[in-house]
Amino acid sequence: MPIKQESGAKDMSAESQDVRVLIVPGLRNSGPAHWQSWLQAQLPDAVRVEQRDWNEPHLDRWAARIGSTLERKGGERWIAVCHSFGCLALARHLALQADSPIQAALLVAPAEPDKFGVAELLPQQALALPTMLVASRTDPWMSAASARRWARRWGASYLNLGDAGHINTEAGFGPLPLAQQWVQSATDRLARVRRVERAAATGWALAL
């Protein structure tokens, strides 16, 4: 059984308010009891990608929907929190859009690309952004061995939760505090990068 953790929300600093979270669900969307819905409720500025047909996993259409959502909402810096087929859609989006504003990604329980015949459409090299892939040894949608292989291929850090099924409502998730913690950590890191960039720009201006 998955280990439930206590939630401890932490207020984001003013310097990190320009970082927004994109929720990318998998097949059939994430219902009200799903951890993605729980996480979205903790983040008032989070945006959920809404697919036209949640029961038809069409990789390019789902990836295009990510792109159009980002374009419509605007903003320079986003972090993506994905589940199941949504992980594959995000990877495809990154492969097609080199200038994507996504700057970090959390991939939870990716679906096996071979189940959908889309492996060749996904990036075959390291993604150009910090990525964490969270898997389970009892996930019916992707084996732990395959998850580790994709994590290595994409240059992602890898975490196996053990007996956690598909890390969804049926498996007991529910709140997933590690997703909230990852969001906070990624947001803090991007805020530090922005401070360094601003300091460098200010120093350059003063030098002139």
Protein backbone atom coordinates (compact mmCIF):
# COMPACT_ATOMS: atom_id res chain seq x y z
CA MET A 1 0.00 0.00 0.00
CA PRO A 2 1.25 3.52 -0.74
CA ILE A 3 2.56 5.47 2.20
CA LYS A 4 0.42 8.50 2.93
CA GLN A 5 2.33 11.61 3.92
CA GLU A 6 1.13 14.66 5.75
CA SER A 7 0.70 17.74 3.60
CA GLY A 8 2.65 20.84 4.55
CA ALA A 9 1.95 23.66 2.16
CA LYS A 10 4.57 26.35 2.01
CA ASP A 11 3.88 29.87 0.80
CA MET A 12 5.73 30.75 -2.37
CA SER A 13 7.89 33.86 -2.33
CA ALA A 14 6.99 36.92 -4.36
CA GLU A 15 9.97 36.23 -6.61
CA SER A 16 8.47 32.89 -7.68
CA GLN A 17 4.95 34.11 -8.42
CA ASP A 18 5.68 34.28 -12.15
CA VAL A 19 6.21 30.51 -12.27
CA ARG A 20 2.96 28.70 -13.09
CA VAL A 21 2.02 25.04 -12.89
CA LEU A 22 0.50 23.13 -15.80
CA ILE A 23 -1.50 20.03 -14.85
CA VAL A 24 -1.44 17.43 -17.64
CA PRO A 25 -3.78 14.49 -16.91
CA GLY A 26 -3.89 11.14 -18.64
CA LEU A 27 -6.74 9.11 -20.10
CA ARG A 28 -10.22 9.93 -18.80
CA ASN A 29 -8.85 13.02 -17.07
CA SER A 30 -8.12 13.09 -13.34
CA GLY A 31 -11.26 13.00 -11.22
CA PRO A 32 -11.94 15.05 -8.09
CA ALA A 33 -10.30 12.45 -5.82
CA HIS A 34 -7.14 12.15 -7.95
CA TRP A 35 -3.86 13.56 -6.66
CA GLN A 36 -3.63 15.94 -9.64
CA SER A 37 -6.96 17.50 -8.65
CA TRP A 38 -5.77 17.66 -5.04
CA LEU A 39 -2.56 19.40 -6.14
CA GLN A 40 -4.43 21.84 -8.36
CA ALA A 41 -6.58 22.82 -5.38
CA GLN A 42 -3.40 23.74 -3.49
CA LEU A 43 -2.21 25.99 -6.34
CA PRO A 44 -4.74 28.70 -7.23
CA ASP A 45 -2.82 29.76 -10.35
CA ALA A 46 -2.40 26.24 -11.73
CA VAL A 47 -3.85 25.52 -15.18
CA ARG A 48 -5.21 22.15 -16.33
CA VAL A 49 -4.90 21.05 -19.93
CA GLU A 50 -8.37 20.12 -21.19
CA GLN A 51 -8.43 17.59 -24.02
CA ARG A 52 -11.30 17.49 -26.50
CA ASP A 53 -11.73 13.75 -26.02
CA TRP A 54 -10.34 12.23 -22.84
CA ASN A 55 -11.04 8.71 -24.10
CA GLU A 56 -9.04 8.98 -27.33
CA PRO A 57 -5.28 9.01 -26.66
CA HIS A 58 -4.03 10.69 -29.83
CA LEU A 59 -0.45 11.78 -29.11
CA ASP A 60 -0.10 14.67 -31.55
CA ARG A 61 -3.53 16.12 -30.77
CA TRP A 62 -2.86 15.91 -27.04
CA ALA A 63 0.57 17.51 -27.48
CA ALA A 64 -0.94 20.29 -29.61
CA ARG A 65 -3.50 20.91 -26.87
CA ILE A 66 -0.66 21.47 -24.41
CA GLY A 67 0.88 24.01 -26.77
CA SER A 68 -2.39 25.86 -27.37
CA THR A 69 -3.12 25.99 -23.64
CA LEU A 70 0.27 27.53 -22.94
CA GLU A 71 -0.15 30.02 -25.77
CA ARG A 72 -3.60 31.03 -24.58
CA LYS A 73 -2.58 31.45 -20.94
CA GLY A 74 0.70 33.25 -21.69
CA GLY A 75 3.63 33.49 -19.30
CA GLU A 76 7.32 32.82 -19.77
CA ARG A 77 7.94 30.11 -17.18
CA TRP A 78 5.91 27.00 -16.49
CA ILE A 79 6.48 23.69 -14.73
CA ALA A 80 4.45 20.67 -15.83
CA VAL A 81 2.97 17.98 -13.59
CA CYS A 82 1.89 15.02 -15.71
CA HIS A 83 0.27 11.62 -15.23
CA SER A 84 0.04 8.51 -17.43
CA PHE A 85 -0.58 9.32 -21.12
CA GLY A 86 -0.22 12.99 -20.20
CA CYS A 87 3.50 12.28 -19.63
CA LEU A 88 3.82 11.08 -23.22
CA ALA A 89 1.88 14.08 -24.52
CA LEU A 90 4.23 16.42 -22.65
CA ALA A 91 7.30 14.62 -24.02
CA ARG A 92 5.89 14.92 -27.55
CA HIS A 93 5.14 18.61 -27.00
CA LEU A 94 8.74 19.19 -25.96
CA ALA A 95 9.99 17.32 -29.03
CA LEU A 96 7.88 19.48 -31.34
CA GLN A 97 8.26 22.86 -29.65
CA ALA A 98 11.87 23.77 -28.95
CA ASP A 99 10.86 27.14 -27.49
CA SER A 100 8.32 25.72 -25.05
CA PRO A 101 7.99 27.76 -21.83
CA ILE A 102 8.00 24.50 -19.82
CA GLN A 103 11.14 24.68 -17.69
CA ALA A 104 10.74 21.61 -15.45
CA ALA A 105 8.59 18.48 -15.57
CA LEU A 106 7.29 15.88 -13.15
CA LEU A 107 6.25 12.67 -14.91
CA VAL A 108 4.21 10.38 -12.66
CA ALA A 109 3.38 6.81 -13.76
CA PRO A 110 3.92 7.30 -17.50
CA ALA A 111 1.93 5.02 -19.78
CA GLU A 112 3.99 2.53 -21.79
CA PRO A 113 4.53 4.10 -25.24
CA ASP A 114 4.53 0.68 -26.93
CA LYS A 115 0.95 0.11 -25.74
CA PHE A 116 -0.07 2.99 -28.00
CA GLY A 117 2.49 2.53 -30.79
CA VAL A 118 4.04 5.95 -30.21
CA ALA A 119 7.55 5.16 -28.92
CA GLU A 120 9.22 6.43 -32.09
CA LEU A 121 7.40 9.78 -31.77
CA LEU A 122 8.90 10.53 -28.37
CA PRO A 123 12.31 12.11 -27.64
CA GLN A 124 15.09 9.55 -27.76
CA GLN A 125 17.59 11.73 -25.92
CA ALA A 126 17.80 13.77 -22.73
CA LEU A 127 15.11 16.40 -22.34
CA ALA A 128 16.45 19.95 -22.19
CA LEU A 129 14.95 20.67 -18.77
CA PRO A 130 15.08 19.23 -15.24
CA THR A 131 12.77 16.22 -15.12
CA MET A 132 11.73 13.71 -12.47
CA LEU A 133 10.04 10.42 -13.34
CA VAL A 134 8.07 8.68 -10.59
CA ALA A 135 7.18 5.03 -11.14
CA SER A 136 5.82 1.97 -9.35
CA ARG A 137 6.83 -1.68 -9.38
CA THR A 138 3.15 -2.70 -9.64
CA ASP A 139 2.02 -0.27 -12.33
CA PRO A 140 -0.07 -2.16 -14.94
CA TRP A 141 0.58 0.58 -17.50
CA MET A 142 4.39 0.53 -17.42
CA SER A 143 6.87 -1.84 -15.84
CA ALA A 144 9.44 -0.45 -13.44
CA ALA A 145 12.21 -1.62 -15.80
CA SER A 146 10.70 0.27 -18.73
CA ALA A 147 10.15 3.35 -16.57
CA ARG A 148 13.80 3.31 -15.56
CA ARG A 149 14.87 2.98 -19.20
CA TRP A 150 12.80 5.99 -20.23
CA ALA A 151 14.09 7.97 -17.26
CA ARG A 152 17.67 7.27 -18.36
CA ARG A 153 16.86 8.13 -21.96
CA TRP A 154 15.30 11.45 -20.98
CA GLY A 155 17.99 12.30 -18.43
CA ALA A 156 15.38 12.32 -15.66
CA SER A 157 15.87 11.60 -12.00
CA TYR A 158 14.01 8.41 -11.06
CA LEU A 159 11.92 7.44 -8.05
CA ASN A 160 10.15 4.10 -7.56
CA LEU A 161 7.33 4.20 -4.99
CA GLY A 162 7.15 0.43 -4.70
CA ASP A 163 3.68 -1.14 -4.49
CA ALA A 164 1.77 1.92 -5.67
CA GLY A 165 -0.11 0.65 -8.73
CA HIS A 166 -0.74 3.33 -11.33
CA ILE A 167 -0.36 6.07 -8.69
CA ASN A 168 -3.96 7.11 -9.17
CA THR A 169 -7.22 7.17 -7.25
CA GLU A 170 -7.66 3.41 -7.45
CA ALA A 171 -4.21 2.96 -5.90
CA GLY A 172 -4.98 5.34 -3.02
CA PHE A 173 -3.78 8.68 -4.41
CA GLY A 174 -5.47 10.88 -3.16
CA PRO A 175 -3.07 13.46 -1.82
CA LEU A 176 0.46 13.08 -3.16
CA PRO A 177 2.62 15.38 -1.02
CA LEU A 178 5.78 14.51 -2.94
CA ALA A 179 4.23 16.19 -6.01
CA GLN A 180 3.58 19.32 -3.96
CA GLN A 181 7.12 19.19 -2.59
CA TRP A 182 8.55 18.80 -6.10
CA VAL A 183 6.55 21.81 -7.31
CA GLN A 184 7.88 23.91 -4.44
CA SER A 185 11.46 22.77 -5.06
CA ALA A 186 11.24 23.42 -8.81
CA THR A 187 9.66 26.82 -8.22
CA ASP A 188 12.36 27.79 -5.72
CA ARG A 189 15.08 26.69 -8.15
CA LEU A 190 13.60 28.78 -10.97
CA ALA A 191 13.29 31.75 -8.62
CA ARG A 192 17.00 31.45 -7.78
CA VAL A 193 17.85 31.31 -11.48
CA ARG A 194 15.76 34.43 -12.09
CA ARG A 195 17.52 36.29 -9.25
CA VAL A 196 20.90 35.42 -10.74
CA GLU A 197 19.74 36.56 -14.18
CA ARG A 198 18.47 39.85 -12.79
CA ALA A 199 21.65 40.42 -10.81
CA ALA A 200 23.76 39.74 -13.90
CA ALA A 201 21.62 42.10 -15.99
CA THR A 202 21.90 44.82 -13.36
CA GLY A 203 25.65 44.39 -13.16
CA TRP A 204 25.96 44.60 -16.92
CA ALA A 205 23.85 47.77 -17.00
CA LEU A 206 25.97 49.38 -14.29
CA ALA A 207 29.15 48.45 -16.16
CA LEU A 208 27.86 50.32 -19.17
